[in-house]
Amino acid sequence: ELVANIFYGGNTNYADSVKGRFTVSRDNAKNTVYLQMNSL
């Protein structure tokens, strides 16, 4: 199942179950995506 994704311009999508707890981000220069997961 989808948890979260982020588009090149910065738009994001989250599963309802993780909204407010998880944060997706990316560094385009490094071609790297991150997922910060809190309140697991």
PDB file of all heavy atoms in Angstrom:
ATOM      1  N   GLU A   1       0.827  -1.201   0.000  1.00  0.00           N
ATOM      2  CA  GLU A   1       0.000   0.000   0.000  1.00  0.00           C
ATOM      3  C   GLU A   1       0.866   1.257   0.000  1.00  0.00           C
ATOM      4  O   GLU A   1       1.972   1.258   0.548  1.00  0.00           O
ATOM      5  CB  GLU A   1      -0.920   0.027   1.240  1.00  0.00           C
ATOM      6  CG  GLU A   1      -0.185   0.080   2.560  1.00  0.00           C
ATOM      7  CD  GLU A   1      -1.105   0.209   3.756  1.00  0.00           C
ATOM      8  OE1 GLU A   1      -2.337   0.279   3.588  1.00  0.00           O
ATOM      9  OE2 GLU A   1      -0.575   0.263   4.888  1.00  0.00           O
ATOM     10  N   LEU A   2       0.322   2.320  -0.583  1.00  0.00           N
ATOM     11  CA  LEU A   2       1.023   3.589  -0.593  1.00  0.00           C
ATOM     12  C   LEU A   2       1.081   4.161   0.823  1.00  0.00           C
ATOM     13  O   LEU A   2       0.077   4.196   1.530  1.00  0.00           O
ATOM     14  CB  LEU A   2       0.313   4.580  -1.514  1.00  0.00           C
ATOM     15  CG  LEU A   2       0.844   6.014  -1.494  1.00  0.00           C
ATOM     16  CD1 LEU A   2       2.231   6.084  -2.116  1.00  0.00           C
ATOM     17  CD2 LEU A   2      -0.116   6.951  -2.207  1.00  0.00           C
ATOM     18  N   VAL A   3       2.266   4.623   1.202  1.00  0.00           N
ATOM     19  CA  VAL A   3       2.427   5.344   2.462  1.00  0.00           C
ATOM     20  C   VAL A   3       2.446   6.850   2.177  1.00  0.00           C
ATOM     21  O   VAL A   3       1.659   7.618   2.717  1.00  0.00           O
ATOM     22  CB  VAL A   3       3.715   4.921   3.180  1.00  0.00           C
ATOM     23  CG1 VAL A   3       3.913   5.736   4.446  1.00  0.00           C
ATOM     24  CG2 VAL A   3       3.681   3.427   3.494  1.00  0.00           C
ATOM     25  N   ALA A   4       3.381   7.267   1.320  1.00  0.00           N
ATOM     26  CA  ALA A   4       3.494   8.684   0.971  1.00  0.00           C
ATOM     27  C   ALA A   4       4.357   8.817  -0.260  1.00  0.00           C
ATOM     28  O   ALA A   4       5.265   8.001  -0.484  1.00  0.00           O
ATOM     29  CB  ALA A   4       4.109   9.476   2.126  1.00  0.00           C
ATOM     30  N   ASN A   5       4.075   9.825  -1.061  1.00  0.00           N
ATOM     31  CA  ASN A   5       4.982  10.142  -2.150  1.00  0.00           C
ATOM     32  C   ASN A   5       5.051  11.641  -2.346  1.00  0.00           C
ATOM     33  O   ASN A   5       4.241  12.406  -1.807  1.00  0.00           O
ATOM     34  CB  ASN A   5       4.646   9.396  -3.446  1.00  0.00           C
ATOM     35  CG  ASN A   5       3.260   9.696  -3.972  1.00  0.00           C
ATOM     36  OD1 ASN A   5       2.604  10.624  -3.535  1.00  0.00           O
ATOM     37  ND2 ASN A   5       2.813   8.914  -4.933  1.00  0.00           N
ATOM     38  N   ILE A   6       6.066  12.052  -3.101  1.00  0.00           N
ATOM     39  CA  ILE A   6       6.317  13.470  -3.322  1.00  0.00           C
ATOM     40  C   ILE A   6       6.759  13.657  -4.764  1.00  0.00           C
ATOM     41  O   ILE A   6       7.588  12.895  -5.273  1.00  0.00           O
ATOM     42  CB  ILE A   6       7.367  14.011  -2.322  1.00  0.00           C
ATOM     43  CG1 ILE A   6       7.623  15.495  -2.538  1.00  0.00           C
ATOM     44  CG2 ILE A   6       8.663  13.208  -2.383  1.00  0.00           C
ATOM     45  CD1 ILE A   6       8.432  16.140  -1.394  1.00  0.00           C
ATOM     46  N   PHE A   7       6.196  14.673  -5.406  1.00  0.00           N
ATOM     47  CA  PHE A   7       6.509  14.941  -6.794  1.00  0.00           C
ATOM     48  C   PHE A   7       7.663  15.922  -6.881  1.00  0.00           C
ATOM     49  O   PHE A   7       8.038  16.559  -5.895  1.00  0.00           O
ATOM     50  CB  PHE A   7       5.264  15.462  -7.516  1.00  0.00           C
ATOM     51  CG  PHE A   7       4.202  14.406  -7.667  1.00  0.00           C
ATOM     52  CD1 PHE A   7       3.340  14.121  -6.624  1.00  0.00           C
ATOM     53  CD2 PHE A   7       4.096  13.667  -8.828  1.00  0.00           C
ATOM     54  CE1 PHE A   7       2.373  13.131  -6.746  1.00  0.00           C
ATOM     55  CE2 PHE A   7       3.137  12.685  -8.968  1.00  0.00           C
ATOM     56  CZ  PHE A   7       2.276  12.415  -7.915  1.00  0.00           C
ATOM     57  N   TYR A   8       8.239  16.033  -8.079  1.00  0.00           N
ATOM     58  CA  TYR A   8       9.440  16.836  -8.248  1.00  0.00           C
ATOM     59  C   TYR A   8       9.228  18.263  -7.767  1.00  0.00           C
ATOM     60  O   TYR A   8      10.101  18.856  -7.150  1.00  0.00           O
ATOM     61  CB  TYR A   8       9.865  16.832  -9.719  1.00  0.00           C
ATOM     62  CG  TYR A   8      11.214  17.468  -9.960  1.00  0.00           C
ATOM     63  CD1 TYR A   8      12.380  16.721  -9.842  1.00  0.00           C
ATOM     64  CD2 TYR A   8      11.324  18.820 -10.303  1.00  0.00           C
ATOM     65  CE1 TYR A   8      13.616  17.300 -10.064  1.00  0.00           C
ATOM     66  CE2 TYR A   8      12.551  19.405 -10.515  1.00  0.00           C
ATOM     67  CZ  TYR A   8      13.692  18.634 -10.392  1.00  0.00           C
ATOM     68  OH  TYR A   8      14.925  19.212 -10.599  1.00  0.00           O
ATOM     69  N   GLY A   9       8.032  18.807  -7.981  1.00  0.00           N
ATOM     70  CA  GLY A   9       7.738  20.182  -7.581  1.00  0.00           C
ATOM     71  C   GLY A   9       7.401  20.349  -6.113  1.00  0.00           C
ATOM     72  O   GLY A   9       7.284  21.486  -5.627  1.00  0.00           O
ATOM     73  N   GLY A  10       7.242  19.226  -5.404  1.00  0.00           N
ATOM     74  CA  GLY A  10       7.007  19.285  -3.969  1.00  0.00           C
ATOM     75  C   GLY A  10       5.621  18.862  -3.503  1.00  0.00           C
ATOM     76  O   GLY A  10       5.401  18.730  -2.301  1.00  0.00           O
ATOM     77  N   ASN A  11       4.694  18.634  -4.405  1.00  0.00           N
ATOM     78  CA  ASN A  11       3.377  18.146  -3.979  1.00  0.00           C
ATOM     79  C   ASN A  11       3.509  16.763  -3.356  1.00  0.00           C
ATOM     80  O   ASN A  11       4.313  15.942  -3.800  1.00  0.00           O
ATOM     81  CB  ASN A  11       2.420  18.093  -5.164  1.00  0.00           C
ATOM     82  CG  ASN A  11       2.021  19.472  -5.655  1.00  0.00           C
ATOM     83  OD1 ASN A  11       2.086  20.449  -4.916  1.00  0.00           O
ATOM     84  ND2 ASN A  11       1.611  19.566  -6.909  1.00  0.00           N
ATOM     85  N   THR A  12       2.686  16.512  -2.344  1.00  0.00           N
ATOM     86  CA  THR A  12       2.767  15.249  -1.607  1.00  0.00           C
ATOM     87  C   THR A  12       1.409  14.574  -1.492  1.00  0.00           C
ATOM     88  O   THR A  12       0.367  15.217  -1.587  1.00  0.00           O
ATOM     89  CB  THR A  12       3.299  15.486  -0.183  1.00  0.00           C
ATOM     90  OG1 THR A  12       2.442  16.419   0.482  1.00  0.00           O
ATOM     91  CG2 THR A  12       4.718  16.022  -0.203  1.00  0.00           C
ATOM     92  N   ASN A  13       1.457  13.262  -1.307  1.00  0.00           N
ATOM     93  CA  ASN A  13       0.278  12.456  -1.010  1.00  0.00           C
ATOM     94  C   ASN A  13       0.602  11.585   0.195  1.00  0.00           C
ATOM     95  O   ASN A  13       1.721  11.068   0.298  1.00  0.00           O
ATOM     96  CB  ASN A  13      -0.091  11.532  -2.182  1.00  0.00           C
ATOM     97  CG  ASN A  13      -0.606  12.294  -3.381  1.00  0.00           C
ATOM     98  OD1 ASN A  13      -1.485  13.127  -3.262  1.00  0.00           O
ATOM     99  ND2 ASN A  13      -0.029  12.008  -4.545  1.00  0.00           N
ATOM    100  N   TYR A  14      -0.384  11.386   1.069  1.00  0.00           N
ATOM    101  CA  TYR A  14      -0.204  10.540   2.240  1.00  0.00           C
ATOM    102  C   TYR A  14      -1.391   9.596   2.380  1.00  0.00           C
ATOM    103  O   TYR A  14      -2.538   9.974   2.113  1.00  0.00           O
ATOM    104  CB  TYR A  14      -0.119  11.378   3.520  1.00  0.00           C
ATOM    105  CG  TYR A  14       1.138  12.199   3.649  1.00  0.00           C
ATOM    106  CD1 TYR A  14       1.159  13.524   3.229  1.00  0.00           C
ATOM    107  CD2 TYR A  14       2.295  11.662   4.222  1.00  0.00           C
ATOM    108  CE1 TYR A  14       2.294  14.293   3.350  1.00  0.00           C
ATOM    109  CE2 TYR A  14       3.439  12.431   4.360  1.00  0.00           C
ATOM    110  CZ  TYR A  14       3.435  13.735   3.922  1.00  0.00           C
ATOM    111  OH  TYR A  14       4.578  14.491   4.047  1.00  0.00           O
ATOM    112  N   ALA A  15      -1.122   8.402   2.859  1.00  0.00           N
ATOM    113  CA  ALA A  15      -2.200   7.524   3.284  1.00  0.00           C
ATOM    114  C   ALA A  15      -2.863   8.147   4.510  1.00  0.00           C
ATOM    115  O   ALA A  15      -2.200   8.770   5.346  1.00  0.00           O
ATOM    116  CB  ALA A  15      -1.656   6.142   3.639  1.00  0.00           C
ATOM    117  N   ASP A  16      -4.162   7.971   4.622  1.00  0.00           N
ATOM    118  CA  ASP A  16      -4.889   8.553   5.757  1.00  0.00           C
ATOM    119  C   ASP A  16      -4.322   8.072   7.085  1.00  0.00           C
ATOM    120  O   ASP A  16      -4.294   8.822   8.067  1.00  0.00           O
ATOM    121  CB  ASP A  16      -6.371   8.202   5.667  1.00  0.00           C
ATOM    122  CG  ASP A  16      -7.085   8.963   4.565  1.00  0.00           C
ATOM    123  OD1 ASP A  16      -6.543   9.985   4.087  1.00  0.00           O
ATOM    124  OD2 ASP A  16      -8.193   8.533   4.181  1.00  0.00           O
ATOM    125  N   SER A  17      -3.851   6.841   7.119  1.00  0.00           N
ATOM    126  CA  SER A  17      -3.393   6.247   8.370  1.00  0.00           C
ATOM    127  C   SER A  17      -2.096   6.870   8.889  1.00  0.00           C
ATOM    128  O   SER A  17      -1.749   6.667  10.055  1.00  0.00           O
ATOM    129  CB  SER A  17      -3.191   4.742   8.188  1.00  0.00           C
ATOM    130  OG  SER A  17      -2.233   4.492   7.174  1.00  0.00           O
ATOM    131  N   VAL A  18      -1.382   7.607   8.047  1.00  0.00           N
ATOM    132  CA  VAL A  18      -0.102   8.174   8.485  1.00  0.00           C
ATOM    133  C   VAL A  18      -0.115   9.693   8.519  1.00  0.00           C
ATOM    134  O   VAL A  18       0.863  10.310   8.953  1.00  0.00           O
ATOM    135  CB  VAL A  18       1.060   7.690   7.601  1.00  0.00           C
ATOM    136  CG1 VAL A  18       1.082   6.162   7.526  1.00  0.00           C
ATOM    137  CG2 VAL A  18       1.023   8.297   6.215  1.00  0.00           C
ATOM    138  N   LYS A  19      -1.188  10.303   8.073  1.00  0.00           N
ATOM    139  CA  LYS A  19      -1.254  11.767   8.058  1.00  0.00           C
ATOM    140  C   LYS A  19      -1.059  12.324   9.467  1.00  0.00           C
ATOM    141  O   LYS A  19      -1.643  11.835  10.431  1.00  0.00           O
ATOM    142  CB  LYS A  19      -2.595  12.232   7.498  1.00  0.00           C
ATOM    143  CG  LYS A  19      -2.720  12.081   5.987  1.00  0.00           C
ATOM    144  CD  LYS A  19      -4.079  12.566   5.484  1.00  0.00           C
ATOM    145  CE  LYS A  19      -4.181  12.407   3.974  1.00  0.00           C
ATOM    146  NZ  LYS A  19      -5.517  12.814   3.463  1.00  0.00           N
ATOM    147  N   GLY A  20      -0.216  13.342   9.558  1.00  0.00           N
ATOM    148  CA  GLY A  20       0.070  13.956  10.846  1.00  0.00           C
ATOM    149  C   GLY A  20       1.178  13.279  11.619  1.00  0.00           C
ATOM    150  O   GLY A  20       1.651  13.819  12.629  1.00  0.00           O
ATOM    151  N   ARG A  21       1.595  12.091  11.178  1.00  0.00           N
ATOM    152  CA  ARG A  21       2.667  11.365  11.873  1.00  0.00           C
ATOM    153  C   ARG A  21       3.916  11.216  10.986  1.00  0.00           C
ATOM    154  O   ARG A  21       5.037  11.228  11.500  1.00  0.00           O
ATOM    155  CB  ARG A  21       2.180   9.988  12.290  1.00  0.00           C
ATOM    156  CG  ARG A  21       0.992  10.011  13.228  1.00  0.00           C
ATOM    157  CD  ARG A  21       0.689   8.596  13.758  1.00  0.00           C
ATOM    158  NE  ARG A  21       0.307   7.671  12.695  1.00  0.00           N
ATOM    159  CZ  ARG A  21       0.954   6.529  12.442  1.00  0.00           C
ATOM    160  NH1 ARG A  21       2.007   6.178  13.164  1.00  0.00           N
ATOM    161  NH2 ARG A  21       0.531   5.729  11.469  1.00  0.00           N
ATOM    162  N   PHE A  22       3.717  11.032   9.704  1.00  0.00           N
ATOM    163  CA  PHE A  22       4.827  10.809   8.773  1.00  0.00           C
ATOM    164  C   PHE A  22       5.002  12.042   7.894  1.00  0.00           C
ATOM    165  O   PHE A  22       4.031  12.717   7.535  1.00  0.00           O
ATOM    166  CB  PHE A  22       4.547   9.621   7.861  1.00  0.00           C
ATOM    167  CG  PHE A  22       4.560   8.282   8.542  1.00  0.00           C
ATOM    168  CD1 PHE A  22       4.584   8.145   9.913  1.00  0.00           C
ATOM    169  CD2 PHE A  22       4.537   7.117   7.779  1.00  0.00           C
ATOM    170  CE1 PHE A  22       4.587   6.906  10.527  1.00  0.00           C
ATOM    171  CE2 PHE A  22       4.550   5.867   8.365  1.00  0.00           C
ATOM    172  CZ  PHE A  22       4.561   5.774   9.751  1.00  0.00           C
ATOM    173  N   THR A  23       6.245  12.289   7.512  1.00  0.00           N
ATOM    174  CA  THR A  23       6.561  13.380   6.595  1.00  0.00           C
ATOM    175  C   THR A  23       7.511  12.881   5.513  1.00  0.00           C
ATOM    176  O   THR A  23       8.574  12.341   5.825  1.00  0.00           O
ATOM    177  CB  THR A  23       7.211  14.562   7.328  1.00  0.00           C
ATOM    178  OG1 THR A  23       6.343  15.025   8.367  1.00  0.00           O
ATOM    179  CG2 THR A  23       7.475  15.710   6.364  1.00  0.00           C
ATOM    180  N   VAL A  24       7.104  13.053   4.260  1.00  0.00           N
ATOM    181  CA  VAL A  24       7.954  12.679   3.132  1.00  0.00           C
ATOM    182  C   VAL A  24       8.632  13.950   2.597  1.00  0.00           C
ATOM    183  O   VAL A  24       8.006  15.019   2.534  1.00  0.00           O
ATOM    184  CB  VAL A  24       7.142  11.962   2.029  1.00  0.00           C
ATOM    185  CG1 VAL A  24       6.086  12.872   1.424  1.00  0.00           C
ATOM    186  CG2 VAL A  24       8.072  11.409   0.955  1.00  0.00           C
ATOM    187  N   SER A  25       9.902  13.805   2.236  1.00  0.00           N
ATOM    188  CA  SER A  25      10.638  14.935   1.670  1.00  0.00           C
ATOM    189  C   SER A  25      11.656  14.390   0.671  1.00  0.00           C
ATOM    190  O   SER A  25      11.897  13.178   0.615  1.00  0.00           O
ATOM    191  CB  SER A  25      11.337  15.733   2.770  1.00  0.00           C
ATOM    192  OG  SER A  25      12.250  14.926   3.480  1.00  0.00           O
ATOM    193  N   ARG A  26      12.226  15.278  -0.120  1.00  0.00           N
ATOM    194  CA  ARG A  26      13.227  14.822  -1.082  1.00  0.00           C
ATOM    195  C   ARG A  26      14.253  15.916  -1.328  1.00  0.00           C
ATOM    196  O   ARG A  26      13.983  17.104  -1.142  1.00  0.00           O
ATOM    197  CB  ARG A  26      12.571  14.393  -2.402  1.00  0.00           C
ATOM    198  CG  ARG A  26      11.911  15.498  -3.183  1.00  0.00           C
ATOM    199  CD  ARG A  26      11.089  14.950  -4.333  1.00  0.00           C
ATOM    200  NE  ARG A  26      11.918  14.556  -5.491  1.00  0.00           N
ATOM    201  CZ  ARG A  26      11.437  13.975  -6.580  1.00  0.00           C
ATOM    202  NH1 ARG A  26      10.150  13.682  -6.656  1.00  0.00           N
ATOM    203  NH2 ARG A  26      12.231  13.687  -7.592  1.00  0.00           N
ATOM    204  N   ASP A  27      15.420  15.458  -1.714  1.00  0.00           N
ATOM    205  CA  ASP A  27      16.510  16.342  -2.121  1.00  0.00           C
ATOM    206  C   ASP A  27      16.764  16.038  -3.596  1.00  0.00           C
ATOM    207  O   ASP A  27      17.377  15.022  -3.917  1.00  0.00           O
ATOM    208  CB  ASP A  27      17.747  16.069  -1.261  1.00  0.00           C
ATOM    209  CG  ASP A  27      18.891  17.024  -1.570  1.00  0.00           C
ATOM    210  OD1 ASP A  27      18.991  17.498  -2.721  1.00  0.00           O
ATOM    211  OD2 ASP A  27      19.708  17.279  -0.666  1.00  0.00           O
ATOM    212  N   ASN A  28      16.285  16.902  -4.470  1.00  0.00           N
ATOM    213  CA  ASN A  28      16.401  16.623  -5.897  1.00  0.00           C
ATOM    214  C   ASN A  28      17.851  16.604  -6.366  1.00  0.00           C
ATOM    215  O   ASN A  28      18.208  15.851  -7.274  1.00  0.00           O
ATOM    216  CB  ASN A  28      15.597  17.646  -6.701  1.00  0.00           C
ATOM    217  CG  ASN A  28      14.104  17.479  -6.516  1.00  0.00           C
ATOM    218  OD1 ASN A  28      13.605  16.371  -6.309  1.00  0.00           O
ATOM    219  ND2 ASN A  28      13.372  18.582  -6.576  1.00  0.00           N
ATOM    220  N   ALA A  29      18.676  17.418  -5.750  1.00  0.00           N
ATOM    221  CA  ALA A  29      20.088  17.454  -6.144  1.00  0.00           C
ATOM    222  C   ALA A  29      20.773  16.120  -5.838  1.00  0.00           C
ATOM    223  O   ALA A  29      21.710  15.722  -6.543  1.00  0.00           O
ATOM    224  CB  ALA A  29      20.800  18.589  -5.432  1.00  0.00           C
ATOM    225  N   LYS A  30      20.323  15.442  -4.811  1.00  0.00           N
ATOM    226  CA  LYS A  30      20.915  14.160  -4.408  1.00  0.00           C
ATOM    227  C   LYS A  30      20.088  12.966  -4.867  1.00  0.00           C
ATOM    228  O   LYS A  30      20.455  11.825  -4.569  1.00  0.00           O
ATOM    229  CB  LYS A  30      21.076  14.110  -2.892  1.00  0.00           C
ATOM    230  CG  LYS A  30      22.035  15.144  -2.323  1.00  0.00           C
ATOM    231  CD  LYS A  30      22.147  14.992  -0.815  1.00  0.00           C
ATOM    232  CE  LYS A  30      23.139  16.001  -0.237  1.00  0.00           C
ATOM    233  NZ  LYS A  30      23.246  15.882   1.245  1.00  0.00           N
ATOM    234  N   ASN A  31      18.966  13.230  -5.555  1.00  0.00           N
ATOM    235  CA  ASN A  31      18.070  12.135  -5.975  1.00  0.00           C
ATOM    236  C   ASN A  31      17.736  11.227  -4.800  1.00  0.00           C
ATOM    237  O   ASN A  31      17.775   9.997  -4.904  1.00  0.00           O
ATOM    238  CB  ASN A  31      18.693  11.326  -7.103  1.00  0.00           C
ATOM    239  CG  ASN A  31      18.811  12.117  -8.382  1.00  0.00           C
ATOM    240  OD1 ASN A  31      17.865  12.773  -8.804  1.00  0.00           O
ATOM    241  ND2 ASN A  31      19.976  12.077  -8.994  1.00  0.00           N
ATOM    242  N   THR A  32      17.399  11.827  -3.692  1.00  0.00           N
ATOM    243  CA  THR A  32      17.135  11.089  -2.463  1.00  0.00           C
ATOM    244  C   THR A  32      15.775  11.495  -1.908  1.00  0.00           C
ATOM    245  O   THR A  32      15.427  12.681  -1.907  1.00  0.00           O
ATOM    246  CB  THR A  32      18.225  11.351  -1.427  1.00  0.00           C
ATOM    247  OG1 THR A  32      19.483  10.929  -1.963  1.00  0.00           O
ATOM    248  CG2 THR A  32      17.954  10.581  -0.144  1.00  0.00           C
ATOM    249  N   VAL A  33      15.045  10.488  -1.437  1.00  0.00           N
ATOM    250  CA  VAL A  33      13.758  10.725  -0.787  1.00  0.00           C
ATOM    251  C   VAL A  33      13.847  10.200   0.639  1.00  0.00           C
ATOM    252  O   VAL A  33      14.528   9.199   0.912  1.00  0.00           O
ATOM    253  CB  VAL A  33      12.600  10.063  -1.568  1.00  0.00           C
ATOM    254  CG1 VAL A  33      12.737   8.541  -1.618  1.00  0.00           C
ATOM    255  CG2 VAL A  33      11.250  10.468  -1.010  1.00  0.00           C
ATOM    256  N   TYR A  34      13.174  10.887   1.542  1.00  0.00           N
ATOM    257  CA  TYR A  34      13.196  10.558   2.962  1.00  0.00           C
ATOM    258  C   TYR A  34      11.769  10.329   3.467  1.00  0.00           C
ATOM    259  O   TYR A  34      10.812  10.875   2.922  1.00  0.00           O
ATOM    260  CB  TYR A  34      13.828  11.690   3.774  1.00  0.00           C
ATOM    261  CG  TYR A  34      15.187  12.117   3.280  1.00  0.00           C
ATOM    262  CD1 TYR A  34      15.331  13.177   2.386  1.00  0.00           C
ATOM    263  CD2 TYR A  34      16.344  11.455   3.703  1.00  0.00           C
ATOM    264  CE1 TYR A  34      16.574  13.573   1.935  1.00  0.00           C
ATOM    265  CE2 TYR A  34      17.580  11.840   3.254  1.00  0.00           C
ATOM    266  CZ  TYR A  34      17.693  12.894   2.369  1.00  0.00           C
ATOM    267  OH  TYR A  34      18.937  13.280   1.916  1.00  0.00           O
ATOM    268  N   LEU A  35      11.665   9.556   4.532  1.00  0.00           N
ATOM    269  CA  LEU A  35      10.391   9.384   5.221  1.00  0.00           C
ATOM    270  C   LEU A  35      10.659   9.476   6.713  1.00  0.00           C
ATOM    271  O   LEU A  35      11.260   8.578   7.296  1.00  0.00           O
ATOM    272  CB  LEU A  35       9.731   8.034   4.875  1.00  0.00           C
ATOM    273  CG  LEU A  35       8.332   7.845   5.449  1.00  0.00           C
ATOM    274  CD1 LEU A  35       7.351   8.813   4.795  1.00  0.00           C
ATOM    275  CD2 LEU A  35       7.866   6.392   5.262  1.00  0.00           C
ATOM    276  N   GLN A  36      10.226  10.569   7.311  1.00  0.00           N
ATOM    277  CA  GLN A  36      10.327  10.738   8.761  1.00  0.00           C
ATOM    278  C   GLN A  36       9.056  10.174   9.378  1.00  0.00           C
ATOM    279  O   GLN A  36       7.947  10.635   9.057  1.00  0.00           O
ATOM    280  CB  GLN A  36      10.477  12.220   9.122  1.00  0.00           C
ATOM    281  CG  GLN A  36      10.530  12.478  10.610  1.00  0.00           C
ATOM    282  CD  GLN A  36      11.772  11.900  11.264  1.00  0.00           C
ATOM    283  OE1 GLN A  36      12.876  12.003  10.728  1.00  0.00           O
ATOM    284  NE2 GLN A  36      11.604  11.277  12.423  1.00  0.00           N
ATOM    285  N   MET A  37       9.221   9.183  10.229  1.00  0.00           N
ATOM    286  CA  MET A  37       8.076   8.507  10.840  1.00  0.00           C
ATOM    287  C   MET A  37       8.095   8.751  12.329  1.00  0.00           C
ATOM    288  O   MET A  37       9.021   8.323  13.026  1.00  0.00           O
ATOM    289  CB  MET A  37       8.138   7.001  10.544  1.00  0.00           C
ATOM    290  CG  MET A  37       8.209   6.690   9.059  1.00  0.00           C
ATOM    291  SD  MET A  37       8.131   4.916   8.701  1.00  0.00           S
ATOM    292  CE  MET A  37       9.694   4.381   9.389  1.00  0.00           C
ATOM    293  N   ASN A  38       7.087   9.436  12.838  1.00  0.00           N
ATOM    294  CA  ASN A  38       6.947   9.731  14.261  1.00  0.00           C
ATOM    295  C   ASN A  38       5.714   9.049  14.818  1.00  0.00           C
ATOM    296  O   ASN A  38       4.825   8.633  14.070  1.00  0.00           O
ATOM    297  CB  ASN A  38       6.849  11.241  14.462  1.00  0.00           C
ATOM    298  CG  ASN A  38       8.079  11.987  13.996  1.00  0.00           C
ATOM    299  OD1 ASN A  38       9.207  11.483  14.076  1.00  0.00           O
ATOM    300  ND2 ASN A  38       7.887  13.198  13.516  1.00  0.00           N
ATOM    301  N   SER A  39       5.655   8.961  16.118  1.00  0.00           N
ATOM    302  CA  SER A  39       4.500   8.353  16.802  1.00  0.00           C
ATOM    303  C   SER A  39       4.157   7.001  16.183  1.00  0.00           C
ATOM    304  O   SER A  39       2.986   6.718  15.883  1.00  0.00           O
ATOM    305  CB  SER A  39       3.296   9.294  16.740  1.00  0.00           C
ATOM    306  OG  SER A  39       3.595  10.537  17.331  1.00  0.00           O
ATOM    307  N   LEU A  40       5.151   6.175  16.007  1.00  0.00           N
ATOM    308  CA  LEU A  40       4.946   4.892  15.337  1.00  0.00           C
ATOM    309  C   LEU A  40       4.031   3.976  16.135  1.00  0.00           C
ATOM    310  O   LEU A  40       4.035   3.988  17.380  1.00  0.00           O
ATOM    311  CB  LEU A  40       6.285   4.214  15.083  1.00  0.00           C
ATOM    312  CG  LEU A  40       7.051   4.790  13.893  1.00  0.00           C
ATOM    313  CD1 LEU A  40       8.532   4.446  13.978  1.00  0.00           C
ATOM    314  CD2 LEU A  40       6.457   4.261  12.591  1.00  0.00           C
TER     315      LEU A  40
END
